[in-house]
Amino acid sequence: MSKQIISSPRVHPVFGNYSSAVLKQNTMYLAGFGPFDVNQQLVGETIVEQTHQTMQNIRNLLEDNGFGMSDIVRATVYLSSISDWAAFNEVFGQYFDGDYPARTVVACELNGFLVEVECTAIKD
């Protein structure tokens, strides 16, 4: 089975030469998602608002392609400030039923926004 390029009308188009997600067999690899609406406009000023938008983007893409949040097995999180970790963590946890994916959090410079999340989901 060759790879399949994945997108969703409920998620903003990509900003460059990459795919929103790639499906290979039963595994979906999602690019980093940030707090942008379908018109590529930044949503929210706080880490809480931006994390909700980011997680909703991920959920929308997964659900529109037959996956769910419970299928996420790994997430890498980029925060513009590690001081936002506690607030981010609180919101992130709201999108899972206690069956959390493996996760790494990295503080780094982001281009005008506070959070980006990339993840891998596997469908049984």
C-alpha atoms as a PDB file:
ATOM      1  CA  MET A   1       0.000   0.000   0.000  1.00  0.00           C
ATOM      2  CA  SER A   2       1.410   3.379  -0.976  1.00  0.00           C
ATOM      3  CA  LYS A   3       1.085   6.399   1.238  1.00  0.00           C
ATOM      4  CA  GLN A   4      -2.047   8.534   1.054  1.00  0.00           C
ATOM      5  CA  ILE A   5      -2.037  12.311   1.555  1.00  0.00           C
ATOM      6  CA  ILE A   6      -4.650  13.288   4.148  1.00  0.00           C
ATOM      7  CA  SER A   7      -6.477  16.589   4.637  1.00  0.00           C
ATOM      8  CA  SER A   8      -9.752  17.955   5.975  1.00  0.00           C
ATOM      9  CA  PRO A   9     -11.976  20.873   4.965  1.00  0.00           C
ATOM     10  CA  ARG A  10     -12.251  21.681   8.692  1.00  0.00           C
ATOM     11  CA  VAL A  11      -8.492  22.273   9.012  1.00  0.00           C
ATOM     12  CA  HIS A  12      -6.415  25.127   7.606  1.00  0.00           C
ATOM     13  CA  PRO A  13      -4.412  24.463   4.439  1.00  0.00           C
ATOM     14  CA  VAL A  14      -0.687  23.914   4.901  1.00  0.00           C
ATOM     15  CA  PHE A  15       1.697  26.879   4.918  1.00  0.00           C
ATOM     16  CA  GLY A  16       4.407  25.323   2.733  1.00  0.00           C
ATOM     17  CA  ASN A  17       5.675  22.277   0.885  1.00  0.00           C
ATOM     18  CA  TYR A  18       4.349  19.541   3.162  1.00  0.00           C
ATOM     19  CA  SER A  19       1.157  17.574   3.839  1.00  0.00           C
ATOM     20  CA  SER A  20      -1.201  18.021   6.792  1.00  0.00           C
ATOM     21  CA  ALA A  21      -0.996  14.274   7.310  1.00  0.00           C
ATOM     22  CA  VAL A  22       0.104  11.088   5.599  1.00  0.00           C
ATOM     23  CA  LEU A  23      -1.592   7.706   5.965  1.00  0.00           C
ATOM     24  CA  LYS A  24       0.467   4.549   5.503  1.00  0.00           C
ATOM     25  CA  GLN A  25      -1.431   1.315   6.151  1.00  0.00           C
ATOM     26  CA  ASN A  26      -3.128   1.874   9.525  1.00  0.00           C
ATOM     27  CA  THR A  27      -0.841   4.667  10.749  1.00  0.00           C
ATOM     28  CA  MET A  28      -1.485   8.386  10.306  1.00  0.00           C
ATOM     29  CA  TYR A  29       1.423  10.800  10.680  1.00  0.00           C
ATOM     30  CA  LEU A  30       0.235  14.341  11.376  1.00  0.00           C
ATOM     31  CA  ALA A  31       2.382  17.379  10.712  1.00  0.00           C
ATOM     32  CA  GLY A  32       2.654  20.016  13.399  1.00  0.00           C
ATOM     33  CA  PHE A  33      -0.678  21.755  13.935  1.00  0.00           C
ATOM     34  CA  GLY A  34      -1.011  25.203  15.426  1.00  0.00           C
ATOM     35  CA  PRO A  35      -3.836  27.505  16.511  1.00  0.00           C
ATOM     36  CA  PHE A  36      -5.118  28.522  13.081  1.00  0.00           C
ATOM     37  CA  ASP A  37      -8.609  28.512  11.598  1.00  0.00           C
ATOM     38  CA  VAL A  38      -9.521  27.293   8.104  1.00  0.00           C
ATOM     39  CA  ASN A  39      -8.558  30.726   6.722  1.00  0.00           C
ATOM     40  CA  GLN A  40      -5.047  30.399   8.203  1.00  0.00           C
ATOM     41  CA  GLN A  41      -5.822  33.082  10.796  1.00  0.00           C
ATOM     42  CA  LEU A  42      -4.388  32.821  14.296  1.00  0.00           C
ATOM     43  CA  VAL A  43      -7.058  31.965  16.890  1.00  0.00           C
ATOM     44  CA  GLY A  44      -6.661  33.196  20.468  1.00  0.00           C
ATOM     45  CA  GLU A  45      -4.082  35.127  22.397  1.00  0.00           C
ATOM     46  CA  THR A  46      -3.623  32.875  25.429  1.00  0.00           C
ATOM     47  CA  ILE A  47      -2.073  29.433  25.668  1.00  0.00           C
ATOM     48  CA  VAL A  48      -5.475  28.049  26.706  1.00  0.00           C
ATOM     49  CA  GLU A  49      -7.262  29.449  23.641  1.00  0.00           C
ATOM     50  CA  GLN A  50      -4.474  28.464  21.275  1.00  0.00           C
ATOM     51  CA  THR A  51      -4.211  24.951  22.695  1.00  0.00           C
ATOM     52  CA  HIS A  52      -7.958  24.389  22.292  1.00  0.00           C
ATOM     53  CA  GLN A  53      -7.792  25.491  18.637  1.00  0.00           C
ATOM     54  CA  THR A  54      -4.746  23.309  17.996  1.00  0.00           C
ATOM     55  CA  MET A  55      -6.346  20.233  19.562  1.00  0.00           C
ATOM     56  CA  GLN A  56      -9.632  20.845  17.718  1.00  0.00           C
ATOM     57  CA  ASN A  57      -7.701  20.976  14.440  1.00  0.00           C
ATOM     58  CA  ILE A  58      -6.094  17.629  15.234  1.00  0.00           C
ATOM     59  CA  ARG A  59      -9.406  16.093  16.294  1.00  0.00           C
ATOM     60  CA  ASN A  60     -11.153  17.386  13.141  1.00  0.00           C
ATOM     61  CA  LEU A  61      -8.517  15.952  10.817  1.00  0.00           C
ATOM     62  CA  LEU A  62      -8.542  12.590  12.584  1.00  0.00           C
ATOM     63  CA  GLU A  63     -12.342  12.290  12.751  1.00  0.00           C
ATOM     64  CA  ASP A  64     -12.803  13.350   9.124  1.00  0.00           C
ATOM     65  CA  ASN A  65     -10.551  10.450   8.143  1.00  0.00           C
ATOM     66  CA  GLY A  66     -11.915   7.650  10.336  1.00  0.00           C
ATOM     67  CA  PHE A  67      -9.580   8.075  13.316  1.00  0.00           C
ATOM     68  CA  GLY A  68     -10.145   9.449  16.801  1.00  0.00           C
ATOM     69  CA  MET A  69      -8.192  11.066  19.589  1.00  0.00           C
ATOM     70  CA  SER A  70      -7.893   7.690  21.300  1.00  0.00           C
ATOM     71  CA  ASP A  71      -5.869   6.477  18.289  1.00  0.00           C
ATOM     72  CA  ILE A  72      -3.042   8.935  19.031  1.00  0.00           C
ATOM     73  CA  VAL A  73      -0.037   7.003  20.314  1.00  0.00           C
ATOM     74  CA  ARG A  74       2.594   9.750  20.327  1.00  0.00           C
ATOM     75  CA  ALA A  75       2.642  13.545  20.436  1.00  0.00           C
ATOM     76  CA  THR A  76       5.450  16.062  20.242  1.00  0.00           C
ATOM     77  CA  VAL A  77       4.555  19.478  21.616  1.00  0.00           C
ATOM     78  CA  TYR A  78       6.373  22.734  20.933  1.00  0.00           C
ATOM     79  CA  LEU A  79       5.727  25.620  23.339  1.00  0.00           C
ATOM     80  CA  SER A  80       7.062  29.132  22.845  1.00  0.00           C
ATOM     81  CA  SER A  81       7.500  29.330  26.632  1.00  0.00           C
ATOM     82  CA  ILE A  82       7.937  26.453  29.051  1.00  0.00           C
ATOM     83  CA  SER A  83       6.084  28.580  31.616  1.00  0.00           C
ATOM     84  CA  ASP A  84       2.918  27.746  29.614  1.00  0.00           C
ATOM     85  CA  TRP A  85       3.363  24.028  30.320  1.00  0.00           C
ATOM     86  CA  ALA A  86       0.828  23.725  33.173  1.00  0.00           C
ATOM     87  CA  ALA A  87      -1.949  25.547  31.296  1.00  0.00           C
ATOM     88  CA  PHE A  88      -1.190  23.602  28.109  1.00  0.00           C
ATOM     89  CA  ASN A  89      -1.183  20.310  30.013  1.00  0.00           C
ATOM     90  CA  GLU A  90      -4.596  21.054  31.557  1.00  0.00           C
ATOM     91  CA  VAL A  91      -6.201  21.689  28.148  1.00  0.00           C
ATOM     92  CA  PHE A  92      -4.385  18.791  26.438  1.00  0.00           C
ATOM     93  CA  GLY A  93      -5.762  16.388  29.037  1.00  0.00           C
ATOM     94  CA  GLN A  94      -9.347  17.418  28.232  1.00  0.00           C
ATOM     95  CA  TYR A  95      -9.051  15.796  24.793  1.00  0.00           C
ATOM     96  CA  PHE A  96      -8.313  12.310  26.136  1.00  0.00           C
ATOM     97  CA  ASP A  97     -10.157   9.885  28.406  1.00  0.00           C
ATOM     98  CA  GLY A  98      -7.148   9.181  30.603  1.00  0.00           C
ATOM     99  CA  ASP A  99      -5.527   6.950  27.970  1.00  0.00           C
ATOM    100  CA  TYR A 100      -2.810   9.466  27.122  1.00  0.00           C
ATOM    101  CA  PRO A 101      -0.304   9.128  24.289  1.00  0.00           C
ATOM    102  CA  ALA A 102       3.435   9.146  24.841  1.00  0.00           C
ATOM    103  CA  ARG A 103       4.449  12.801  24.732  1.00  0.00           C
ATOM    104  CA  THR A 104       7.486  15.046  24.535  1.00  0.00           C
ATOM    105  CA  VAL A 105       7.321  18.790  25.255  1.00  0.00           C
ATOM    106  CA  VAL A 106       9.964  21.138  23.874  1.00  0.00           C
ATOM    107  CA  ALA A 107      10.323  24.878  24.440  1.00  0.00           C
ATOM    108  CA  CYS A 108      11.361  26.678  21.265  1.00  0.00           C
ATOM    109  CA  GLU A 109      10.817  29.797  19.224  1.00  0.00           C
ATOM    110  CA  LEU A 110       7.567  29.727  17.255  1.00  0.00           C
ATOM    111  CA  ASN A 111       6.644  32.274  14.619  1.00  0.00           C
ATOM    112  CA  GLY A 112       4.096  34.445  16.432  1.00  0.00           C
ATOM    113  CA  PHE A 113       2.070  31.731  18.151  1.00  0.00           C
ATOM    114  CA  LEU A 114       2.368  29.813  21.418  1.00  0.00           C
ATOM    115  CA  VAL A 115       1.872  26.102  20.691  1.00  0.00           C
ATOM    116  CA  GLU A 116       2.284  23.484  17.973  1.00  0.00           C
ATOM    117  CA  VAL A 117       1.478  19.774  18.265  1.00  0.00           C
ATOM    118  CA  GLU A 118       2.452  16.945  15.927  1.00  0.00           C
ATOM    119  CA  CYS A 119       1.331  13.390  16.489  1.00  0.00           C
ATOM    120  CA  THR A 120       1.063   9.850  15.227  1.00  0.00           C
ATOM    121  CA  ALA A 121      -2.173   7.854  15.334  1.00  0.00           C
ATOM    122  CA  ILE A 122      -2.636   4.128  14.754  1.00  0.00           C
ATOM    123  CA  LYS A 123      -6.007   2.595  13.894  1.00  0.00           C
ATOM    124  CA  ASP A 124      -6.573  -0.989  15.088  1.00  0.00           C
END
